[in-house]
Amino acid sequence: MIDATQISPNFDPKDFTPFSDPPIDEPGIPALFTLLRDRIAASGPISFADFMDAALYHPELGYYSSGDRRVIGPEGDYLTSPEVHPLFPAVIGRWLRLAWSALGAPACFVVREWGPGNGTLAAGLLSWSARHPELARALSVELVERAPAMRARQKRALRPWAQRGRARWDASGPLRGVLLANELLDAMPVHRVRRRDGRLEELRVGLNEGRFTWSPAPATDPGILAYLEWLGVEPPEGATVELWPGLPAWARARAAELEEGFLLLLDYGDRTERLYAAWRREGTLLCFRRHAAHDDPFRFVGEQDITAHVDFGALGRALRESGLRVYGPLSQAEFLRRLGIGQALAPEAAAGLSFEALQARREAIAALTDAAGLGRVRVLAAARGPSIPPAFTAEDADSWAGPSTIERGSEGESRHGRVARRRRL
């Protein structure tokens, strides 16, 4: 037998061990990492909802509180529809004009946007409304934003309209108009729950050698148990789910604000039955940084987005229980087609555009309706009053209220749906 050390004087057995990824040492924002680590060390594991809330929304250290870094858009970590092209605000503007007309063209028409991001959609809507002077005189936007850094960014984007009283922040109370939220609810802090050996467990966040790790514990949180009882489903054996116990209260509060008009929600999500299906083993938790997706929320703490699918079945139920009529959801692709997004390429609409501008429109339409990307966004509408929301029909009413016709799936389908949730550059 030949001694391996005789082959080369520089032989090192480590050269022939299996390849592995380098150790991860990416704690994120040091002060936030230390704050959470010390809290867990002192009091024990915390819920993932508490971890996610601090990682995203801590007033000084959270992801959305960063004042020196853009988080949404080409220079950020992910791209939302309003950031793709002004065409998206224009099509939503068309929907608003129809909604305004359905309400009788009131002299005061308020759009209250929850989670306005960079303010791009609100600014685009106000700018677009100038094409319709009567609507422009009636229209004002109210922006509801909890992150100070994001609010400052919105105020810069909306300064011309704020100076004229057409853009305001943190308004509340009843309104006649539209409640709007685009890609807000998928960033609400969620709990992670699984069923193992017939027992319901909560996946909490603990420490292992100074690093964050999952820490299973019996699911005893009253909010979790009450939500699952209200929902009427539980995770199947071996499956993990994300749930937001605050969903019913959030939906009821929005319904209470709507004196007359419409609610329009655009987000990534699925039916209750599919979110709790036996084939969906890993849940839908996903993180985004620099336009790349992964599923480890313990990396880059405070420096990445964390999301989970919205339960549109639960959302629709809560809105119905609040007295609203619910429509959809539709896919964003179908919603934009019904509003005539393709007409933006018609000769009369494209007249005077340069070749580059026309090509940008084509690419924007493709991106916004891509079935593997932004076209997967779900659009749900609700109404208080006699009218059906624009772009919806009576046949769309409560379309996800009954049992799902889609009862099968695969892990491959699940993972594809998760990774395609935000458009990557």
Protein backbone atom coordinates (compact mmCIF):
# COMPACT_ATOMS: atom_id res chain seq x y z
CA MET A 1 0.00 0.00 0.00
CA ILE A 2 1.35 3.41 -0.97
CA ASP A 3 1.60 6.06 1.72
CA ALA A 4 -0.27 9.09 0.43
CA THR A 5 2.34 11.39 1.92
CA GLN A 6 4.87 9.92 -0.50
CA ILE A 7 2.89 11.25 -3.50
CA SER A 8 3.71 14.85 -2.71
CA PRO A 9 5.57 16.46 0.14
CA ASN A 10 2.77 19.08 0.24
CA PHE A 11 -0.05 16.54 0.59
CA ASP A 12 -2.85 17.74 2.80
CA PRO A 13 -5.87 15.44 3.43
CA LYS A 14 -8.16 18.52 3.65
CA ASP A 15 -7.59 19.08 -0.08
CA PHE A 16 -9.71 16.00 -0.80
CA THR A 17 -12.60 16.45 1.64
CA PRO A 18 -16.05 17.18 0.14
CA PHE A 19 -16.71 20.77 -0.90
CA SER A 20 -18.85 22.86 1.42
CA ASP A 21 -20.01 26.44 1.56
CA PRO A 22 -17.81 28.81 3.56
CA PRO A 23 -19.02 29.57 7.09
CA ILE A 24 -21.59 32.33 7.18
CA ASP A 25 -20.58 35.37 9.19
CA GLU A 26 -23.09 37.99 8.04
CA PRO A 27 -24.86 39.27 11.14
CA GLY A 28 -26.24 42.34 9.36
CA ILE A 29 -26.48 45.63 11.25
CA PRO A 30 -24.28 44.98 14.31
CA ALA A 31 -26.34 47.03 16.76
CA LEU A 32 -29.58 45.27 15.74
CA PHE A 33 -27.92 41.85 15.83
CA THR A 34 -26.60 42.60 19.34
CA LEU A 35 -29.95 43.96 20.54
CA LEU A 36 -31.81 40.81 19.48
CA ARG A 37 -29.07 38.46 20.67
CA ASP A 38 -28.98 40.09 24.11
CA ARG A 39 -32.76 39.99 24.39
CA ILE A 40 -32.83 36.25 23.64
CA ALA A 41 -29.88 35.56 25.93
CA ALA A 42 -31.64 37.34 28.77
CA SER A 43 -35.22 36.10 28.36
CA GLY A 44 -35.10 33.02 26.12
CA PRO A 45 -36.32 32.36 22.57
CA ILE A 46 -38.67 34.91 21.00
CA SER A 47 -41.37 34.44 18.38
CA PHE A 48 -40.35 34.80 14.76
CA ALA A 49 -42.98 37.55 14.51
CA ASP A 50 -41.05 39.57 17.11
CA PHE A 51 -37.77 38.87 15.31
CA MET A 52 -39.21 39.86 11.92
CA ASP A 53 -40.83 42.99 13.33
CA ALA A 54 -37.50 44.17 14.75
CA ALA A 55 -35.53 43.19 11.64
CA LEU A 56 -37.87 45.15 9.35
CA TYR A 57 -39.40 47.90 11.48
CA HIS A 58 -37.17 48.78 14.45
CA PRO A 59 -37.46 52.60 14.42
CA GLU A 60 -33.70 53.23 14.19
CA LEU A 61 -32.12 49.96 13.10
CA GLY A 62 -34.76 48.10 11.06
CA TYR A 63 -34.56 47.41 7.34
CA TYR A 64 -37.23 49.95 6.42
CA SER A 65 -35.79 52.54 8.78
CA SER A 66 -32.51 52.83 6.88
CA GLY A 67 -32.15 56.42 5.81
CA ASP A 68 -28.96 56.03 3.78
CA ARG A 69 -29.90 53.10 1.55
CA ARG A 70 -32.69 52.67 -0.96
CA VAL A 71 -34.45 49.34 -0.39
CA ILE A 72 -36.99 49.35 -3.26
CA GLY A 73 -36.09 49.80 -6.91
CA PRO A 74 -33.17 49.02 -9.23
CA GLU A 75 -30.68 50.36 -6.69
CA GLY A 76 -32.31 48.47 -3.82
CA ASP A 77 -33.07 44.85 -3.03
CA TYR A 78 -36.28 44.20 -4.95
CA LEU A 79 -38.51 45.77 -7.57
CA THR A 80 -42.24 46.46 -7.20
CA SER A 81 -44.62 47.26 -10.04
CA PRO A 82 -44.67 51.07 -9.60
CA GLU A 83 -40.86 51.10 -9.94
CA VAL A 84 -40.91 49.28 -13.28
CA HIS A 85 -42.33 52.06 -15.44
CA PRO A 86 -44.78 55.02 -15.21
CA LEU A 87 -47.18 52.83 -17.16
CA PHE A 88 -48.21 51.03 -13.97
CA PRO A 89 -49.38 54.18 -12.13
CA ALA A 90 -51.13 55.21 -15.36
CA VAL A 91 -53.15 51.97 -15.48
CA ILE A 92 -53.98 52.21 -11.77
CA GLY A 93 -54.95 55.82 -12.49
CA ARG A 94 -57.41 54.56 -15.10
CA TRP A 95 -58.88 52.26 -12.43
CA LEU A 96 -59.16 55.21 -10.00
CA ARG A 97 -60.93 57.35 -12.59
CA LEU A 98 -63.48 54.58 -13.09
CA ALA A 99 -63.88 54.22 -9.32
CA TRP A 100 -64.39 57.98 -8.97
CA SER A 101 -67.07 57.90 -11.66
CA ALA A 102 -68.77 54.92 -10.01
CA LEU A 103 -69.06 56.96 -6.81
CA GLY A 104 -70.74 59.80 -8.68
CA ALA A 105 -67.62 61.91 -9.37
CA PRO A 106 -67.53 63.50 -5.90
CA ALA A 107 -65.78 66.84 -5.47
CA CYS A 108 -63.54 65.28 -2.81
CA PHE A 109 -62.02 61.91 -3.68
CA VAL A 110 -59.42 60.45 -1.30
CA VAL A 111 -56.98 57.64 -2.00
CA ARG A 112 -55.46 56.37 1.25
CA GLU A 113 -52.38 54.25 0.54
CA TRP A 114 -51.02 51.93 3.20
CA GLY A 115 -47.31 51.13 2.96
CA PRO A 116 -46.51 53.55 0.10
CA GLY A 117 -42.87 52.47 -0.36
CA ASN A 118 -40.85 55.19 -2.08
CA GLY A 119 -44.03 57.16 -2.85
CA THR A 120 -43.66 56.25 -6.52
CA LEU A 121 -47.23 55.03 -7.00
CA ALA A 122 -48.83 58.00 -5.21
CA ALA A 123 -46.69 60.50 -7.13
CA GLY A 124 -47.47 58.73 -10.39
CA LEU A 125 -51.21 58.80 -9.73
CA LEU A 126 -51.22 62.51 -8.92
CA SER A 127 -49.11 63.29 -11.97
CA TRP A 128 -51.29 61.16 -14.25
CA SER A 129 -54.50 62.76 -12.95
CA ALA A 130 -53.51 66.05 -14.63
CA ARG A 131 -54.80 64.52 -17.87
CA HIS A 132 -58.31 64.63 -16.37
CA PRO A 133 -58.74 68.07 -14.76
CA GLU A 134 -62.01 67.33 -12.94
CA LEU A 135 -60.51 64.25 -11.31
CA ALA A 136 -57.29 66.14 -10.53
CA ARG A 137 -59.24 68.81 -8.65
CA ALA A 138 -61.03 66.17 -6.59
CA LEU A 139 -58.13 63.79 -5.95
CA SER A 140 -55.89 63.80 -2.89
CA VAL A 141 -53.74 61.07 -1.40
CA GLU A 142 -53.21 60.13 2.23
CA LEU A 143 -50.15 58.02 2.96
CA VAL A 144 -49.90 55.74 6.00
CA GLU A 145 -46.29 54.81 6.78
CA ARG A 146 -44.72 53.60 10.04
CA ALA A 147 -41.04 53.81 9.04
CA PRO A 148 -39.59 57.33 9.48
CA ALA A 149 -36.97 56.87 6.75
CA MET A 150 -39.58 55.73 4.22
CA ARG A 151 -41.85 58.62 5.18
CA ALA A 152 -39.01 61.07 4.53
CA ARG A 153 -38.42 59.50 1.11
CA GLN A 154 -42.12 59.79 0.28
CA LYS A 155 -42.20 63.43 1.30
CA ARG A 156 -39.36 64.20 -1.08
CA ALA A 157 -41.15 62.42 -3.93
CA LEU A 158 -44.47 64.14 -3.21
CA ARG A 159 -43.27 67.60 -2.22
CA PRO A 160 -45.04 69.51 -5.06
CA TRP A 161 -48.42 67.97 -4.19
CA ALA A 162 -47.90 68.19 -0.42
CA GLN A 163 -47.32 71.92 -0.79
CA ARG A 164 -50.74 72.20 -2.43
CA GLY A 165 -52.45 70.07 0.19
CA ARG A 166 -53.00 67.11 -2.12
CA ALA A 167 -50.66 64.73 -0.25
CA ARG A 168 -50.87 64.13 3.50
CA TRP A 169 -49.45 61.58 5.94
CA ASP A 170 -50.94 59.41 8.70
CA ALA A 171 -54.53 60.39 8.06
CA SER A 172 -57.24 58.32 9.71
CA GLY A 173 -60.99 58.18 10.08
CA PRO A 174 -63.74 57.37 7.58
CA LEU A 175 -63.37 58.29 3.94
CA ARG A 176 -65.25 58.22 0.68
CA GLY A 177 -62.84 56.97 -1.92
CA VAL A 178 -60.27 54.17 -2.16
CA LEU A 179 -58.09 52.28 0.30
CA LEU A 180 -55.00 51.01 -1.51
CA ALA A 181 -52.09 48.74 -0.56
CA ASN A 182 -49.47 47.45 -2.97
CA GLU A 183 -47.09 44.75 -1.69
CA LEU A 184 -47.61 45.64 1.96
CA LEU A 185 -49.20 42.64 3.63
CA ASP A 186 -46.54 40.11 2.61
CA ALA A 187 -44.11 41.99 4.89
CA MET A 188 -46.31 41.81 7.97
CA PRO A 189 -44.55 39.97 10.83
CA VAL A 190 -45.61 36.32 10.87
CA HIS A 191 -45.35 33.38 13.23
CA ARG A 192 -43.99 30.07 11.95
CA VAL A 193 -45.91 26.97 13.03
CA ARG A 194 -45.51 23.29 12.17
CA ARG A 195 -46.99 19.93 13.10
CA ARG A 196 -44.62 17.17 14.21
CA ASP A 197 -45.75 13.76 15.49
CA GLY A 198 -49.27 15.11 15.85
CA ARG A 199 -48.20 18.06 18.01
CA LEU A 200 -48.46 21.71 17.03
CA GLU A 201 -45.13 23.54 17.43
CA GLU A 202 -44.12 27.15 17.09
CA LEU A 203 -40.72 27.78 15.52
CA ARG A 204 -39.23 30.44 17.77
CA VAL A 205 -35.86 32.16 17.45
CA GLY A 206 -33.14 31.09 19.87
CA LEU A 207 -29.36 31.12 20.06
CA ASN A 208 -26.73 28.51 19.32
CA GLU A 209 -23.14 29.53 20.03
CA GLY A 210 -24.12 33.18 19.71
CA ARG A 211 -25.97 32.80 16.41
CA PHE A 212 -29.71 32.80 15.72
CA THR A 213 -31.34 29.43 15.22
CA TRP A 214 -34.84 27.92 15.07
CA SER A 215 -36.06 26.82 18.50
CA PRO A 216 -39.19 24.61 18.38
CA ALA A 217 -41.59 24.88 21.31
CA PRO A 218 -45.20 23.80 21.96
CA ALA A 219 -47.59 26.24 20.28
CA THR A 220 -49.31 27.87 23.26
CA ASP A 221 -49.55 31.50 22.12
CA PRO A 222 -53.24 32.49 22.50
CA GLY A 223 -53.14 34.63 19.35
CA ILE A 224 -51.88 31.74 17.23
CA LEU A 225 -54.44 29.29 18.62
CA ALA A 226 -57.33 31.75 18.27
CA TYR A 227 -56.35 32.53 14.67
CA LEU A 228 -56.16 28.86 13.69
CA GLU A 229 -59.54 28.24 15.33
CA TRP A 230 -61.05 31.17 13.41
CA LEU A 231 -59.45 29.97 10.18
CA GLY A 232 -60.61 26.40 10.70
CA VAL A 233 -57.41 24.72 9.45
CA GLU A 234 -54.11 23.55 10.87
CA PRO A 235 -50.77 22.60 9.34
CA PRO A 236 -50.74 18.99 8.11
CA GLU A 237 -48.23 16.57 9.57
CA GLY A 238 -44.67 17.50 8.63
CA ALA A 239 -45.55 20.90 7.12
CA THR A 240 -44.54 24.41 8.20
CA VAL A 241 -46.76 27.45 7.67
CA GLU A 242 -46.49 31.18 8.27
CA LEU A 243 -49.47 32.92 9.80
CA TRP A 244 -50.33 36.48 10.72
CA PRO A 245 -52.82 36.48 13.61
CA GLY A 246 -53.36 40.21 13.14
CA LEU A 247 -54.87 39.76 9.68
CA PRO A 248 -58.57 39.73 10.72
CA ALA A 249 -58.15 42.84 12.89
CA TRP A 250 -56.25 44.68 10.14
CA ALA A 251 -58.94 43.87 7.56
CA ARG A 252 -61.76 44.88 9.90
CA ALA A 253 -60.06 48.17 10.71
CA ARG A 254 -59.70 48.99 7.01
CA ALA A 255 -63.34 48.10 6.41
CA ALA A 256 -64.34 50.42 9.24
CA GLU A 257 -62.48 53.28 7.54
CA LEU A 258 -64.37 52.83 4.28
CA GLU A 259 -67.58 54.86 4.51
CA GLU A 260 -68.25 54.38 0.80
CA GLY A 261 -65.98 53.23 -1.98
CA PHE A 262 -63.47 50.52 -2.72
CA LEU A 263 -60.51 48.70 -1.28
CA LEU A 264 -57.77 47.52 -3.65
CA LEU A 265 -55.01 45.18 -2.45
CA LEU A 266 -52.14 43.91 -4.61
CA ASP A 267 -49.81 41.33 -3.13
CA TYR A 268 -48.25 37.91 -3.38
CA GLY A 269 -50.37 35.16 -1.86
CA ASP A 270 -52.53 32.11 -2.31
CA ARG A 271 -55.65 30.30 -1.18
CA THR A 272 -55.88 29.08 2.39
CA GLU A 273 -56.12 25.49 1.15
CA ARG A 274 -52.90 25.75 -0.80
CA LEU A 275 -50.97 27.50 1.95
CA TYR A 276 -51.92 24.68 4.35
CA ALA A 277 -51.59 21.86 1.79
CA ALA A 278 -49.59 18.75 2.67
CA TRP A 279 -47.32 19.17 -0.36
CA ARG A 280 -46.18 22.65 0.72
CA ARG A 281 -43.62 21.46 3.26
CA GLU A 282 -41.44 24.53 3.76
CA GLY A 283 -43.91 27.39 3.94
CA THR A 284 -43.41 30.53 1.86
CA LEU A 285 -40.84 32.51 3.86
CA LEU A 286 -38.44 34.30 1.53
CA CYS A 287 -35.77 36.99 1.86
CA PHE A 288 -34.48 39.47 -0.75
CA ARG A 289 -31.16 41.26 -0.93
CA ARG A 290 -29.63 42.90 -3.98
CA HIS A 291 -32.26 41.32 -6.23
CA ALA A 292 -31.40 37.79 -5.15
CA ALA A 293 -33.69 35.50 -3.18
CA HIS A 294 -32.92 33.07 -0.37
CA ASP A 295 -34.74 31.61 2.63
CA ASP A 296 -32.46 32.36 5.60
CA PRO A 297 -33.87 35.24 7.70
CA PHE A 298 -30.92 35.06 10.10
CA ARG A 299 -28.46 36.47 7.55
CA PHE A 300 -28.10 40.20 6.89
CA VAL A 301 -30.39 41.08 9.82
CA GLY A 302 -31.78 44.56 9.14
CA GLU A 303 -30.25 44.58 5.66
CA GLN A 304 -32.72 42.42 3.73
CA ASP A 305 -36.43 42.16 3.07
CA ILE A 306 -38.37 39.29 4.67
CA THR A 307 -41.71 38.19 3.23
CA ALA A 308 -44.36 35.47 3.41
CA HIS A 309 -47.42 34.78 1.26
CA VAL A 310 -50.67 36.56 2.11
CA ASP A 311 -53.60 34.25 2.89
CA PHE A 312 -56.18 35.68 0.49
CA GLY A 313 -58.83 33.23 1.67
CA ALA A 314 -58.51 34.56 5.22
CA LEU A 315 -58.33 38.15 4.01
CA GLY A 316 -61.50 37.82 1.94
CA ARG A 317 -63.32 36.19 4.83
CA ALA A 318 -62.38 38.96 7.27
CA LEU A 319 -63.53 41.64 4.83
CA ARG A 320 -66.84 39.86 4.23
CA GLU A 321 -67.38 39.55 7.97
CA SER A 322 -66.91 43.33 8.10
CA GLY A 323 -69.76 43.95 5.68
CA LEU A 324 -67.81 44.47 2.45
CA ARG A 325 -68.47 42.69 -0.82
CA VAL A 326 -65.28 40.94 -1.96
CA TYR A 327 -64.14 40.37 -5.54
CA GLY A 328 -61.33 38.18 -6.77
CA PRO A 329 -58.47 37.98 -6.38
CA LEU A 330 -57.36 38.14 -9.99
CA SER A 331 -53.80 37.81 -11.15
CA GLN A 332 -52.15 41.16 -11.79
CA ALA A 333 -51.68 40.10 -15.40
CA GLU A 334 -55.44 39.62 -15.84
CA PHE A 335 -56.28 42.79 -13.89
CA LEU A 336 -54.00 44.96 -16.07
CA ARG A 337 -55.27 43.37 -19.27
CA ARG A 338 -58.87 44.12 -18.28
CA LEU A 339 -57.85 47.74 -17.79
CA GLY A 340 -56.37 47.81 -21.28
CA ILE A 341 -52.65 47.94 -20.59
CA GLY A 342 -52.03 46.68 -24.14
CA GLN A 343 -53.60 49.86 -25.52
CA ALA A 344 -50.43 51.68 -24.50
CA LEU A 345 -48.86 50.23 -27.66
CA ALA A 346 -51.69 51.33 -29.97
CA PRO A 347 -50.57 53.77 -32.71
CA GLU A 348 -52.58 56.67 -31.29
CA ALA A 349 -51.12 56.13 -27.79
CA ALA A 350 -47.56 55.62 -29.01
CA ALA A 351 -47.51 58.52 -31.46
CA GLY A 352 -44.48 60.71 -30.93
CA LEU A 353 -42.57 58.20 -28.82
CA SER A 354 -38.99 57.46 -29.70
CA PHE A 355 -37.99 53.91 -30.55
CA GLU A 356 -36.33 53.61 -27.14
CA ALA A 357 -39.43 54.87 -25.29
CA LEU A 358 -41.71 52.52 -27.21
CA GLN A 359 -39.41 49.60 -26.50
CA ALA A 360 -39.39 50.52 -22.80
CA ARG A 361 -43.20 50.36 -22.85
CA ARG A 362 -43.13 46.92 -24.46
CA GLU A 363 -40.67 45.65 -21.87
CA ALA A 364 -42.73 47.15 -19.04
CA ILE A 365 -45.92 45.45 -20.20
CA ALA A 366 -44.06 42.14 -20.47
CA ALA A 367 -42.63 42.53 -16.96
CA LEU A 368 -45.88 43.62 -15.32
CA THR A 369 -47.87 40.75 -16.84
CA ASP A 370 -45.19 38.04 -16.65
CA ALA A 371 -46.87 34.93 -15.23
CA ALA A 372 -43.58 33.89 -13.61
CA GLY A 373 -42.91 37.33 -12.10
CA LEU A 374 -44.99 40.40 -11.30
CA GLY A 375 -47.96 39.00 -13.19
CA ARG A 376 -48.32 36.52 -10.32
CA VAL A 377 -49.26 39.30 -7.90
CA ARG A 378 -52.85 38.84 -6.74
CA VAL A 379 -55.35 41.71 -6.91
CA LEU A 380 -58.28 41.65 -4.50
CA ALA A 381 -61.00 44.31 -4.40
CA ALA A 382 -63.80 45.00 -1.97
CA ALA A 383 -66.69 47.44 -2.07
CA ARG A 384 -69.01 49.29 0.26
CA GLY A 385 -71.84 50.80 -1.74
CA PRO A 386 -73.85 49.82 -4.80
CA SER A 387 -71.10 49.56 -7.40
CA ILE A 388 -68.85 46.68 -8.42
CA PRO A 389 -65.14 47.62 -8.37
CA PRO A 390 -63.83 48.58 -11.82
CA ALA A 391 -62.24 45.73 -13.83
CA PHE A 392 -64.19 43.16 -11.79
CA THR A 393 -67.49 41.51 -12.63
CA ALA A 394 -70.30 39.91 -10.64
CA GLU A 395 -68.76 36.54 -11.51
CA ASP A 396 -65.59 37.57 -9.63
CA ALA A 397 -67.48 38.01 -6.36
CA ASP A 398 -66.10 35.74 -3.61
CA SER A 399 -64.23 33.70 -6.20
CA TRP A 400 -62.01 32.24 -3.47
CA ALA A 401 -64.71 31.89 -0.83
CA GLY A 402 -65.44 28.22 -1.50
CA PRO A 403 -63.27 25.11 -1.69
CA SER A 404 -60.29 25.35 -3.97
CA THR A 405 -60.47 23.58 -7.30
CA ILE A 406 -56.69 23.19 -7.09
CA GLU A 407 -56.01 20.38 -4.65
CA ARG A 408 -52.67 19.14 -5.86
CA GLY A 409 -49.24 20.64 -6.08
CA SER A 410 -45.61 19.80 -5.84
CA GLU A 411 -42.57 20.99 -3.97
CA GLY A 412 -41.17 22.18 -7.27
CA GLU A 413 -44.25 24.27 -7.90
CA SER A 414 -44.07 25.67 -4.38
CA ARG A 415 -40.44 26.70 -4.63
CA HIS A 416 -40.92 28.21 -8.10
CA GLY A 417 -43.82 30.27 -6.80
CA ARG A 418 -41.71 31.54 -3.91
CA VAL A 419 -38.61 32.49 -5.87
CA ALA A 420 -40.62 34.28 -8.56
CA ARG A 421 -42.45 36.37 -6.00
CA ARG A 422 -40.49 39.53 -6.66
CA ARG A 423 -38.98 40.45 -9.99
CA ARG A 424 -35.22 40.11 -9.85
CA LEU A 425 -32.92 42.18 -12.06
